[in-house]
Amino acid sequence: SQKAASTAYTVGLTMDQLNAQIATIESVTREAPENIGNALKTIYSRFADISLGETLDDGVDLGQIAQTLGKVGVNVLDEAGQMRNVGDIMEDLMVIWDTMSQTDQSAISTVIAGRYQLSRFQALMNRSDLYSEYLNASLNAEGTADEMQKTFEESMQGRLNKLQASAESIFSQFFDTDDFYSMIDALTQ
């Protein structure tokens, strides 16, 4: 959760939802938690960028996600036209995941997770039973995780993480990151 908590908070996930997603993916894939945290951070960042009206590097935008998920009955936008909390969107998708064709599952996975986080996203969607089990366990922990998250957010590191996530979002919104690769490589050397 250290890798993804700040971004998860930005797109509306609760700590309980984040805990359940990490635990589910780890149970299915047996990957290191750090890799899972980075994967979820990437998925959440895609949603955060899209909610700002950006088109991602692979051409995905909010309209494409809303249209793709709308075809299977999952609303991305609320009544006011704003993007719903990503945790709720993903939970709605889990409810109908098993009823969808593999073609639809693959299309939705690619749009939401991108090609690099595809397997982790599908691991989560394919095991909604585990997710529900872990979510209930976290919810019954009497808010301990949310209290810990609030403490973290109020700490210096938590505030720095939020600042970094905001700066990255603003930077990518105003600048073409490809223009900075050579400069970053030169500074690194």
Protein backbone atom coordinates (compact mmCIF):
# COMPACT_ATOMS: atom_id res chain seq x y z
CA SER A 1 0.00 0.00 0.00
CA GLN A 2 3.01 2.28 0.43
CA LYS A 3 3.41 2.42 -3.36
CA ALA A 4 -0.24 3.01 -4.25
CA ALA A 5 -1.94 4.61 -1.23
CA SER A 6 -1.55 8.23 -2.24
CA THR A 7 -2.78 7.66 -5.80
CA ALA A 8 -5.57 5.40 -4.56
CA TYR A 9 -6.76 8.15 -2.24
CA THR A 10 -6.70 10.63 -5.14
CA VAL A 11 -9.09 8.50 -7.24
CA GLY A 12 -11.43 7.71 -4.34
CA LEU A 13 -10.46 4.25 -3.10
CA THR A 14 -10.81 3.54 0.58
CA MET A 15 -7.97 1.84 2.43
CA ASP A 16 -10.23 -1.19 2.76
CA GLN A 17 -10.65 -1.40 -1.01
CA LEU A 18 -6.91 -0.92 -1.55
CA ASN A 19 -6.04 -3.60 1.01
CA ALA A 20 -8.47 -6.04 -0.59
CA GLN A 21 -7.14 -5.37 -4.09
CA ILE A 22 -3.52 -5.88 -3.01
CA ALA A 23 -4.33 -9.05 -1.07
CA THR A 24 -6.34 -10.50 -3.96
CA ILE A 25 -3.68 -9.86 -6.59
CA GLU A 26 -0.95 -11.17 -4.28
CA SER A 27 -2.92 -14.34 -3.54
CA VAL A 28 -3.47 -15.03 -7.23
CA THR A 29 -0.14 -14.00 -8.74
CA ARG A 30 2.25 -14.57 -5.80
CA GLU A 31 4.13 -11.46 -6.88
CA ALA A 32 6.01 -9.20 -4.51
CA PRO A 33 3.76 -6.62 -2.83
CA GLU A 34 5.95 -3.80 -4.16
CA ASN A 35 5.27 -4.89 -7.74
CA ILE A 36 1.56 -5.09 -7.04
CA GLY A 37 1.59 -1.65 -5.42
CA ASN A 38 3.35 -0.17 -8.44
CA ALA A 39 0.88 -1.90 -10.78
CA LEU A 40 -2.12 -0.52 -8.91
CA LYS A 41 -0.50 2.92 -8.79
CA THR A 42 -0.21 2.77 -12.59
CA ILE A 43 -3.86 1.72 -13.01
CA TYR A 44 -5.07 4.43 -10.61
CA SER A 45 -2.86 7.02 -12.34
CA ARG A 46 -4.51 6.16 -15.65
CA PHE A 47 -7.88 6.95 -14.09
CA ALA A 48 -6.53 10.15 -12.49
CA ASP A 49 -5.09 11.39 -15.78
CA ILE A 50 -8.27 10.50 -17.65
CA SER A 51 -10.42 12.32 -15.09
CA LEU A 52 -8.37 15.45 -15.85
CA GLY A 53 -9.40 15.14 -19.48
CA GLU A 54 -6.10 13.80 -20.75
CA THR A 55 -5.66 11.28 -23.49
CA LEU A 56 -3.17 8.64 -22.39
CA ASP A 57 -0.11 7.59 -24.37
CA ASP A 58 -2.02 4.60 -25.75
CA GLY A 59 -4.87 6.82 -26.97
CA VAL A 60 -7.33 6.03 -24.16
CA ASP A 61 -9.49 8.88 -22.89
CA LEU A 62 -12.45 9.24 -20.54
CA GLY A 63 -14.93 8.93 -23.38
CA GLN A 64 -13.43 5.60 -24.45
CA ILE A 65 -13.49 4.19 -20.91
CA ALA A 66 -17.04 5.44 -20.31
CA GLN A 67 -18.19 3.98 -23.63
CA THR A 68 -16.42 0.64 -23.14
CA LEU A 69 -17.72 0.14 -19.61
CA GLY A 70 -21.13 1.56 -20.49
CA LYS A 71 -21.59 -1.23 -23.03
CA VAL A 72 -21.50 -3.76 -20.20
CA GLY A 73 -23.63 -1.68 -17.82
CA VAL A 74 -20.97 -0.03 -15.63
CA ASN A 75 -21.34 3.73 -15.25
CA VAL A 76 -18.07 5.65 -15.04
CA LEU A 77 -19.71 9.04 -14.59
CA ASP A 78 -22.15 10.11 -11.90
CA GLU A 79 -25.34 12.12 -12.48
CA ALA A 80 -23.34 15.37 -12.50
CA GLY A 81 -21.04 14.08 -15.25
CA GLN A 82 -18.08 13.63 -12.91
CA MET A 83 -16.06 10.43 -12.73
CA ARG A 84 -17.16 8.13 -9.92
CA ASN A 85 -14.74 6.70 -7.36
CA VAL A 86 -12.50 4.17 -9.05
CA GLY A 87 -12.99 1.63 -6.26
CA ASP A 88 -16.74 1.67 -6.87
CA ILE A 89 -16.27 1.42 -10.64
CA MET A 90 -14.02 -1.61 -10.21
CA GLU A 91 -16.43 -3.26 -7.76
CA ASP A 92 -19.33 -2.76 -10.19
CA LEU A 93 -17.22 -4.35 -12.90
CA MET A 94 -16.40 -7.33 -10.66
CA VAL A 95 -20.11 -8.05 -10.23
CA ILE A 96 -20.62 -8.65 -13.95
CA TRP A 97 -17.11 -9.84 -14.90
CA ASP A 98 -17.95 -13.55 -15.01
CA THR A 99 -20.95 -12.93 -17.28
CA MET A 100 -18.84 -11.19 -19.93
CA SER A 101 -17.18 -12.85 -22.90
CA GLN A 102 -13.40 -13.22 -22.93
CA THR A 103 -13.29 -10.72 -25.78
CA ASP A 104 -15.10 -8.10 -23.70
CA GLN A 105 -12.92 -8.89 -20.66
CA SER A 106 -9.76 -8.44 -22.72
CA ALA A 107 -10.97 -5.19 -24.26
CA ILE A 108 -11.95 -3.73 -20.90
CA SER A 109 -8.72 -4.91 -19.25
CA THR A 110 -6.62 -3.26 -21.93
CA VAL A 111 -8.53 0.02 -21.74
CA ILE A 112 -8.41 0.21 -17.94
CA ALA A 113 -5.02 -1.29 -17.10
CA GLY A 114 -3.01 -0.83 -20.27
CA ARG A 115 -0.97 -3.68 -21.67
CA TYR A 116 1.70 -3.69 -18.95
CA GLN A 117 -0.67 -4.19 -15.98
CA LEU A 118 -3.13 -6.42 -17.81
CA SER A 119 -2.37 -9.65 -15.97
CA ARG A 120 -2.60 -8.06 -12.52
CA PHE A 121 -5.89 -6.36 -13.34
CA GLN A 122 -7.35 -9.60 -14.69
CA ALA A 123 -6.14 -11.47 -11.59
CA LEU A 124 -8.18 -9.03 -9.51
CA MET A 125 -11.27 -9.21 -11.70
CA ASN A 126 -11.19 -13.01 -12.00
CA ARG A 127 -11.18 -13.48 -8.23
CA SER A 128 -13.92 -11.20 -6.99
CA ASP A 129 -14.72 -13.86 -4.39
CA LEU A 130 -11.30 -13.35 -2.78
CA TYR A 131 -11.65 -9.61 -3.09
CA SER A 132 -14.98 -9.70 -1.21
CA GLU A 133 -13.48 -11.90 1.49
CA TYR A 134 -10.50 -9.58 1.98
CA LEU A 135 -12.68 -6.47 1.81
CA ASN A 136 -14.98 -7.80 4.54
CA ALA A 137 -11.98 -8.69 6.72
CA SER A 138 -10.59 -5.18 6.29
CA LEU A 139 -13.97 -3.56 6.94
CA ASN A 140 -14.37 -5.56 10.13
CA ALA A 141 -11.01 -4.33 11.40
CA GLU A 142 -12.94 -1.39 12.89
CA GLY A 143 -11.41 1.33 10.74
CA THR A 144 -7.83 0.65 11.74
CA ALA A 145 -6.55 0.92 8.17
CA ASP A 146 -8.38 4.20 7.54
CA GLU A 147 -6.97 5.63 10.77
CA MET A 148 -3.48 4.54 9.72
CA GLN A 149 -4.01 6.09 6.28
CA LYS A 150 -5.17 9.35 7.83
CA THR A 151 -2.12 9.39 10.08
CA PHE A 152 0.11 8.70 7.09
CA GLU A 153 -1.54 11.43 5.00
CA GLU A 154 -0.97 13.90 7.82
CA SER A 155 2.69 12.88 8.15
CA MET A 156 5.48 14.57 6.24
CA GLN A 157 5.96 11.58 3.91
CA GLY A 158 2.23 11.39 3.19
CA ARG A 159 2.10 15.07 2.33
CA LEU A 160 5.19 14.74 0.14
CA ASN A 161 3.61 11.78 -1.69
CA LYS A 162 0.43 13.79 -2.35
CA LEU A 163 2.54 16.72 -3.56
CA GLN A 164 4.52 14.44 -5.85
CA ALA A 165 1.35 12.86 -7.30
CA SER A 166 -0.15 16.31 -7.91
CA ALA A 167 3.08 17.63 -9.45
CA GLU A 168 3.33 14.61 -11.76
CA SER A 169 -0.25 15.07 -12.87
CA ILE A 170 0.21 18.80 -13.53
CA PHE A 171 3.55 18.23 -15.27
CA SER A 172 2.12 15.58 -17.58
CA GLN A 173 -0.88 17.79 -18.30
CA PHE A 174 1.16 20.78 -19.46
CA PHE A 175 4.27 19.20 -20.97
CA ASP A 176 5.03 16.44 -23.44
CA THR A 177 7.19 14.13 -21.34
CA ASP A 178 8.98 12.80 -24.42
CA ASP A 179 10.69 16.20 -24.74
CA PHE A 180 12.40 15.73 -21.38
CA TYR A 181 13.90 12.25 -21.81
CA SER A 182 17.22 13.45 -23.25
CA MET A 183 17.57 16.12 -20.58
CA ILE A 184 16.81 13.62 -17.80
CA ASP A 185 19.29 11.13 -19.27
CA ALA A 186 21.97 13.82 -19.41
CA LEU A 187 21.31 14.86 -15.81
CA THR A 188 21.37 11.23 -14.69
CA GLN A 189 24.80 10.71 -16.27
